PDB file of N, CA and C in Angstrom:
ATOM      1  N   MET A   1    -126.717 153.830  42.451  1.00  0.00           N
ATOM      2  CA  MET A   1    -128.289 154.465  41.639  1.00  0.00           C
ATOM      3  C   MET A   1    -129.029 154.089  41.846  1.00  0.00           C
ATOM      4  N   TYR A   2    -129.433 154.656  43.441  1.00  0.00           N
ATOM      5  CA  TYR A   2    -129.914 155.382  43.763  1.00  0.00           C
ATOM      6  C   TYR A   2    -129.592 156.492  44.638  1.00  0.00           C
ATOM      7  N   GLU A   3    -130.014 157.952  44.894  1.00  0.00           N
ATOM      8  CA  GLU A   3    -129.395 159.480  44.901  1.00  0.00           C
ATOM      9  C   GLU A   3    -129.769 160.137  45.916  1.00  0.00           C
ATOM     10  N   ASN A   4    -128.780 160.290  46.680  1.00  0.00           N
ATOM     11  CA  ASN A   4    -128.718 160.848  47.640  1.00  0.00           C
ATOM     12  C   ASN A   4    -129.604 162.098  48.120  1.00  0.00           C
ATOM     13  N   TYR A   5    -130.775 161.878  49.061  1.00  0.00           N
ATOM     14  CA  TYR A   5    -131.230 164.141  48.865  1.00  0.00           C
ATOM     15  C   TYR A   5    -130.705 164.918  49.719  1.00  0.00           C
ATOM     16  N   SER A   6    -129.760 165.807  48.720  1.00  0.00           N
ATOM     17  CA  SER A   6    -129.329 167.132  49.651  1.00  0.00           C
ATOM     18  C   SER A   6    -129.997 167.389  51.598  1.00  0.00           C
ATOM     19  N   SER A   7    -128.893 168.208  52.067  1.00  0.00           N
ATOM     20  CA  SER A   7    -129.464 167.751  53.467  1.00  0.00           C
ATOM     21  C   SER A   7    -130.722 168.986  53.562  1.00  0.00           C
ATOM     22  N   LEU A   8    -130.157 169.639  52.693  1.00  0.00           N
ATOM     23  CA  LEU A   8    -131.193 170.805  52.119  1.00  0.00           C
ATOM     24  C   LEU A   8    -132.954 170.714  51.784  1.00  0.00           C
ATOM     25  N   LYS A   9    -132.649 169.891  50.735  1.00  0.00           N
ATOM     26  CA  LYS A   9    -133.750 169.078  50.845  1.00  0.00           C
ATOM     27  C   LYS A   9    -135.445 168.539  51.658  1.00  0.00           C
ATOM     28  N   ILE A  10    -133.956 167.326  52.881  1.00  0.00           N
ATOM     29  CA  ILE A  10    -133.985 166.472  54.138  1.00  0.00           C
ATOM     30  C   ILE A  10    -135.459 167.498  54.884  1.00  0.00           C
ATOM     31  N   ILE A  11    -134.739 168.662  55.042  1.00  0.00           N
ATOM     32  CA  ILE A  11    -134.960 169.778  56.039  1.00  0.00           C
ATOM     33  C   ILE A  11    -135.961 170.049  56.123  1.00  0.00           C
ATOM     34  N   THR A  12    -136.202 170.669  54.119  1.00  0.00           N
ATOM     35  CA  THR A  12    -138.107 171.663  53.528  1.00  0.00           C
ATOM     36  C   THR A  12    -138.350 170.242  53.873  1.00  0.00           C
ATOM     37  N   ARG A  13    -138.226 169.427  53.717  1.00  0.00           N
ATOM     38  CA  ARG A  13    -139.032 168.268  53.481  1.00  0.00           C
ATOM     39  C   ARG A  13    -140.037 167.983  55.224  1.00  0.00           C
ATOM     40  N   ARG A  14    -139.021 167.412  55.686  1.00  0.00           N
ATOM     41  CA  ARG A  14    -139.286 167.586  57.112  1.00  0.00           C
ATOM     42  C   ARG A  14    -140.003 168.607  57.812  1.00  0.00           C
ATOM     43  N   ILE A  15    -139.100 169.885  57.303  1.00  0.00           N
ATOM     44  CA  ILE A  15    -140.590 171.026  57.982  1.00  0.00           C
ATOM     45  C   ILE A  15    -141.915 170.807  57.198  1.00  0.00           C
ATOM     46  N   ALA A  16    -142.180 170.856  56.061  1.00  0.00           N
ATOM     47  CA  ALA A  16    -143.399 170.655  54.991  1.00  0.00           C
ATOM     48  C   ALA A  16    -143.884 169.444  56.128  1.00  0.00           C
ATOM     49  N   VAL A  17    -143.504 168.318  56.459  1.00  0.00           N
ATOM     50  CA  VAL A  17    -143.878 167.612  57.046  1.00  0.00           C
ATOM     51  C   VAL A  17    -144.769 168.100  58.642  1.00  0.00           C
ATOM     52  N   ILE A  18    -144.337 168.734  59.278  1.00  0.00           N
ATOM     53  CA  ILE A  18    -144.749 168.969  60.885  1.00  0.00           C
ATOM     54  C   ILE A  18    -145.432 170.499  60.054  1.00  0.00           C
ATOM     55  N   VAL A  19    -145.212 171.312  59.486  1.00  0.00           N
ATOM     56  CA  VAL A  19    -146.493 172.409  58.589  1.00  0.00           C
ATOM     57  C   VAL A  19    -147.945 171.262  58.585  1.00  0.00           C
ATOM     58  N   ILE A  20    -147.309 170.361  57.652  1.00  0.00           N
ATOM     59  CA  ILE A  20    -148.928 169.807  57.577  1.00  0.00           C
ATOM     60  C   ILE A  20    -149.464 168.652  58.250  1.00  0.00           C
ATOM     61  N   GLY A  21    -148.654 168.402  59.036  1.00  0.00           N
ATOM     62  CA  GLY A  21    -149.433 167.345  60.586  1.00  0.00           C
ATOM     63  C   GLY A  21    -149.673 168.503  60.926  1.00  0.00           C
ATOM     64  N   LEU A  22    -149.552 169.391  61.316  1.00  0.00           N
ATOM     65  CA  LEU A  22    -150.045 170.580  62.804  1.00  0.00           C
ATOM     66  C   LEU A  22    -151.337 171.216  62.242  1.00  0.00           C
ATOM     67  N   LEU A  23    -150.970 171.578  60.719  1.00  0.00           N
ATOM     68  CA  LEU A  23    -152.712 172.238  60.162  1.00  0.00           C
ATOM     69  C   LEU A  23    -153.723 171.120  60.335  1.00  0.00           C
ATOM     70  N   ALA A  24    -152.673 170.011  60.126  1.00  0.00           N
ATOM     71  CA  ALA A  24    -154.881 168.786  59.273  1.00  0.00           C
ATOM     72  C   ALA A  24    -154.018 168.418  60.607  1.00  0.00           C
ATOM     73  N   LEU A  25    -154.709 168.545  61.903  1.00  0.00           N
ATOM     74  CA  LEU A  25    -154.326 168.527  63.046  1.00  0.00           C
ATOM     75  C   LEU A  25    -155.882 168.540  63.534  1.00  0.00           C
ATOM     76  N   PRO A  26    -156.800 169.482  63.470  1.00  0.00           N
ATOM     77  CA  PRO A  26    -157.519 169.481  63.879  1.00  0.00           C
ATOM     78  C   PRO A  26    -159.177 168.843  62.626  1.00  0.00           C
ATOM     79  N   ILE A  27    -158.378 169.247  61.962  1.00  0.00           N
ATOM     80  CA  ILE A  27    -159.544 168.162  60.871  1.00  0.00           C
ATOM     81  C   ILE A  27    -159.247 165.947  60.680  1.00  0.00           C
ATOM     82  N   MET A  28    -157.865 166.305  61.340  1.00  0.00           N
ATOM     83  CA  MET A  28    -158.173 164.981  60.423  1.00  0.00           C
ATOM     84  C   MET A  28    -158.182 163.942  62.336  1.00  0.00           C
ATOM     85  N   LEU A  29    -158.695 165.181  63.618  1.00  0.00           N
ATOM     86  CA  LEU A  29    -158.957 163.991  64.740  1.00  0.00           C
ATOM     87  C   LEU A  29    -160.156 163.983  64.808  1.00  0.00           C
ATOM     88  N   LEU A  30    -161.450 164.445  63.793  1.00  0.00           N
ATOM     89  CA  LEU A  30    -162.688 163.826  63.254  1.00  0.00           C
ATOM     90  C   LEU A  30    -162.656 162.780  62.715  1.00  0.00           C
ATOM     91  N   ARG A  31    -161.515 162.484  61.680  1.00  0.00           N
ATOM     92  CA  ARG A  31    -161.776 161.726  61.545  1.00  0.00           C
ATOM     93  C   ARG A  31    -161.154 160.045  61.287  1.00  0.00           C
ATOM     94  N   ASP A  32    -161.532 159.229  60.703  1.00  0.00           N
ATOM     95  CA  ASP A  32    -161.542 157.445  60.613  1.00  0.00           C
ATOM     96  C   ASP A  32    -160.245 156.820  60.244  1.00  0.00           C
ATOM     97  N   ASP A  33    -159.907 158.306  59.178  1.00  0.00           N
ATOM     98  CA  ASP A  33    -158.821 157.333  58.184  1.00  0.00           C
ATOM     99  C   ASP A  33    -157.486 158.006  58.725  1.00  0.00           C
ATOM    100  N   ARG A  34    -157.064 158.468  59.890  1.00  0.00           N
ATOM    101  CA  ARG A  34    -156.390 159.591  60.291  1.00  0.00           C
ATOM    102  C   ARG A  34    -155.281 158.629  60.125  1.00  0.00           C
ATOM    103  N   ALA A  35    -155.067 157.879  60.351  1.00  0.00           N
ATOM    104  CA  ALA A  35    -154.382 156.889  60.805  1.00  0.00           C
ATOM    105  C   ALA A  35    -153.432 157.026  59.381  1.00  0.00           C
ATOM    106  N   ARG A  36    -154.184 156.279  58.528  1.00  0.00           N
ATOM    107  CA  ARG A  36    -153.415 155.965  56.562  1.00  0.00           C
ATOM    108  C   ARG A  36    -152.619 157.766  56.756  1.00  0.00           C
ATOM    109  N   PHE A  37    -153.049 158.586  56.320  1.00  0.00           N
ATOM    110  CA  PHE A  37    -153.070 159.690  56.150  1.00  0.00           C
ATOM    111  C   PHE A  37    -151.724 160.583  57.200  1.00  0.00           C
ATOM    112  N   TYR A  38    -151.321 159.891  58.751  1.00  0.00           N
ATOM    113  CA  TYR A  38    -150.445 160.175  59.465  1.00  0.00           C
ATOM    114  C   TYR A  38    -148.857 158.940  59.232  1.00  0.00           C
ATOM    115  N   SER A  39    -149.562 157.774  58.458  1.00  0.00           N
ATOM    116  CA  SER A  39    -148.290 157.169  57.976  1.00  0.00           C
ATOM    117  C   SER A  39    -148.008 157.514  56.725  1.00  0.00           C
ATOM    118  N   TYR A  40    -148.485 158.384  55.935  1.00  0.00           N
ATOM    119  CA  TYR A  40    -147.911 158.923  54.323  1.00  0.00           C
ATOM    120  C   TYR A  40    -147.113 159.878  55.238  1.00  0.00           C
ATOM    121  N   LEU A  41    -147.038 160.735  55.571  1.00  0.00           N
ATOM    122  CA  LEU A  41    -146.332 161.648  56.742  1.00  0.00           C
ATOM    123  C   LEU A  41    -145.381 161.096  56.760  1.00  0.00           C
ATOM    124  N   HIS A  42    -145.587 159.453  57.804  1.00  0.00           N
ATOM    125  CA  HIS A  42    -144.790 158.932  58.454  1.00  0.00           C
ATOM    126  C   HIS A  42    -143.037 159.199  57.167  1.00  0.00           C
ATOM    127  N   ARG A  43    -143.975 157.899  56.112  1.00  0.00           N
ATOM    128  CA  ARG A  43    -142.886 158.253  54.947  1.00  0.00           C
ATOM    129  C   ARG A  43    -142.540 158.872  54.313  1.00  0.00           C
ATOM    130  N   VAL A  44    -142.965 160.173  54.291  1.00  0.00           N
ATOM    131  CA  VAL A  44    -142.386 160.666  54.120  1.00  0.00           C
ATOM    132  C   VAL A  44    -141.228 161.816  54.922  1.00  0.00           C
ATOM    133  N   TRP A  45    -141.108 161.322  55.410  1.00  0.00           N
ATOM    134  CA  TRP A  45    -140.505 162.452  56.832  1.00  0.00           C
ATOM    135  C   TRP A  45    -139.193 161.161  56.548  1.00  0.00           C
ATOM    136  N   CYS A  46    -139.407 160.238  56.876  1.00  0.00           N
ATOM    137  CA  CYS A  46    -138.271 158.936  56.990  1.00  0.00           C
ATOM    138  C   CYS A  46    -137.578 158.806  55.902  1.00  0.00           C
ATOM    139  N   LYS A  47    -137.699 159.172  54.096  1.00  0.00           N
ATOM    140  CA  LYS A  47    -137.609 159.418  53.083  1.00  0.00           C
ATOM    141  C   LYS A  47    -136.518 159.912  52.284  1.00  0.00           C
ATOM    142  N   THR A  48    -134.887 159.951  52.990  1.00  0.00           N
ATOM    143  CA  THR A  48    -133.271 160.886  52.616  1.00  0.00           C
ATOM    144  C   THR A  48    -133.006 160.341  50.293  1.00  0.00           C
ATOM    145  N   SER A  49    -133.797 159.282  49.950  1.00  0.00           N
ATOM    146  CA  SER A  49    -133.091 159.366  48.577  1.00  0.00           C
ATOM    147  C   SER A  49    -134.542 159.248  48.092  1.00  0.00           C
ATOM    148  N   GLN A  50    -133.354 158.355  46.352  1.00  0.00           N
ATOM    149  CA  GLN A  50    -135.101 158.095  45.779  1.00  0.00           C
ATOM    150  C   GLN A  50    -134.772 156.838  46.164  1.00  0.00           C
ATOM    151  N   LYS A  51    -134.719 156.409  46.662  1.00  0.00           N
ATOM    152  CA  LYS A  51    -134.467 154.637  46.869  1.00  0.00           C
ATOM    153  C   LYS A  51    -136.360 154.782  47.623  1.00  0.00           C
ATOM    154  N   PRO A  52    -137.046 153.341  47.233  1.00  0.00           N
ATOM    155  CA  PRO A  52    -138.211 153.781  48.108  1.00  0.00           C
ATOM    156  C   PRO A  52    -137.952 153.468  49.779  1.00  0.00           C
ATOM    157  N   VAL A  53    -138.657 153.842  50.373  1.00  0.00           N
ATOM    158  CA  VAL A  53    -138.346 154.318  51.962  1.00  0.00           C
ATOM    159  C   VAL A  53    -138.535 152.605  52.362  1.00  0.00           C
ATOM    160  N   TRP A  54    -139.560 152.004  52.184  1.00  0.00           N
ATOM    161  CA  TRP A  54    -139.456 150.093  52.092  1.00  0.00           C
ATOM    162  C   TRP A  54    -138.390 149.564  52.419  1.00  0.00           C
ATOM    163  N   LEU A  55    -138.000 149.835  50.634  1.00  0.00           N
ATOM    164  CA  LEU A  55    -136.519 149.567  50.376  1.00  0.00           C
ATOM    165  C   LEU A  55    -135.423 148.801  51.498  1.00  0.00           C
ATOM    166  N   ALA A  56    -135.245 150.534  51.629  1.00  0.00           N
ATOM    167  CA  ALA A  56    -133.853 150.938  52.784  1.00  0.00           C
ATOM    168  C   ALA A  56    -134.581 150.561  54.054  1.00  0.00           C
ATOM    169  N   GLN A  57    -135.717 150.401  54.846  1.00  0.00           N
ATOM    170  CA  GLN A  57    -136.158 150.008  56.067  1.00  0.00           C
ATOM    171  C   GLN A  57    -135.879 147.978  55.947  1.00  0.00           C
ATOM    172  N   ALA A  58    -135.907 148.003  55.008  1.00  0.00           N
ATOM    173  CA  ALA A  58    -135.648 146.344  54.432  1.00  0.00           C
ATOM    174  C   ALA A  58    -134.070 145.900  54.332  1.00  0.00           C
ATOM    175  N   GLU A  59    -133.123 146.746  54.441  1.00  0.00           N
ATOM    176  CA  GLU A  59    -132.030 146.996  53.749  1.00  0.00           C
ATOM    177  C   GLU A  59    -131.211 146.994  55.661  1.00  0.00           C
ATOM    178  N   ALA A  60    -131.711 148.637  55.948  1.00  0.00           N
ATOM    179  CA  ALA A  60    -130.746 148.141  57.181  1.00  0.00           C
ATOM    180  C   ALA A  60    -131.512 147.069  58.275  1.00  0.00           C
ATOM    181  N   ALA A  61    -132.827 146.883  58.240  1.00  0.00           N
ATOM    182  CA  ALA A  61    -133.294 145.295  58.842  1.00  0.00           C
ATOM    183  C   ALA A  61    -132.171 144.206  58.924  1.00  0.00           C
ATOM    184  N   GLY A  62    -132.132 143.972  57.338  1.00  0.00           N
ATOM    185  CA  GLY A  62    -130.701 142.973  57.316  1.00  0.00           C
ATOM    186  C   GLY A  62    -131.475 141.739  56.788  1.00  0.00           C
ATOM    187  N   ARG A  63    -131.189 140.238  57.039  1.00  0.00           N
ATOM    188  CA  ARG A  63    -132.118 139.526  56.419  1.00  0.00           C
ATOM    189  C   ARG A  63    -133.519 139.146  57.705  1.00  0.00           C
ATOM    190  N   ASP A  64    -133.986 138.637  56.533  1.00  0.00           N
ATOM    191  CA  ASP A  64    -135.237 137.672  57.598  1.00  0.00           C
ATOM    192  C   ASP A  64    -134.497 137.656  58.957  1.00  0.00           C
ATOM    193  N   ILE A  65    -135.058 137.171  59.478  1.00  0.00           N
ATOM    194  CA  ILE A  65    -135.135 135.818  61.354  1.00  0.00           C
ATOM    195  C   ILE A  65    -136.620 135.126  61.148  1.00  0.00           C
ATOM    196  N   TRP A  66    -136.075 133.611  60.379  1.00  0.00           N
ATOM    197  CA  TRP A  66    -137.127 132.600  60.696  1.00  0.00           C
ATOM    198  C   TRP A  66    -137.312 131.629  62.008  1.00  0.00           C
TER     199      TRP A  66
END
């Protein structure tokens, strides 16, 4: 149902995240919303398929603990 990304696409996305994160670092150090920005970059880093990151993480965690 969901298509996995190729290794080249995953590596390209991760390199882009590193470059954008490093270029934005001097600006983001002065902003209050830097956590939201870097949280977004983390979601981009973790994405390896068309499946939403939250769904992939929920499936990897297994069932809820009550």
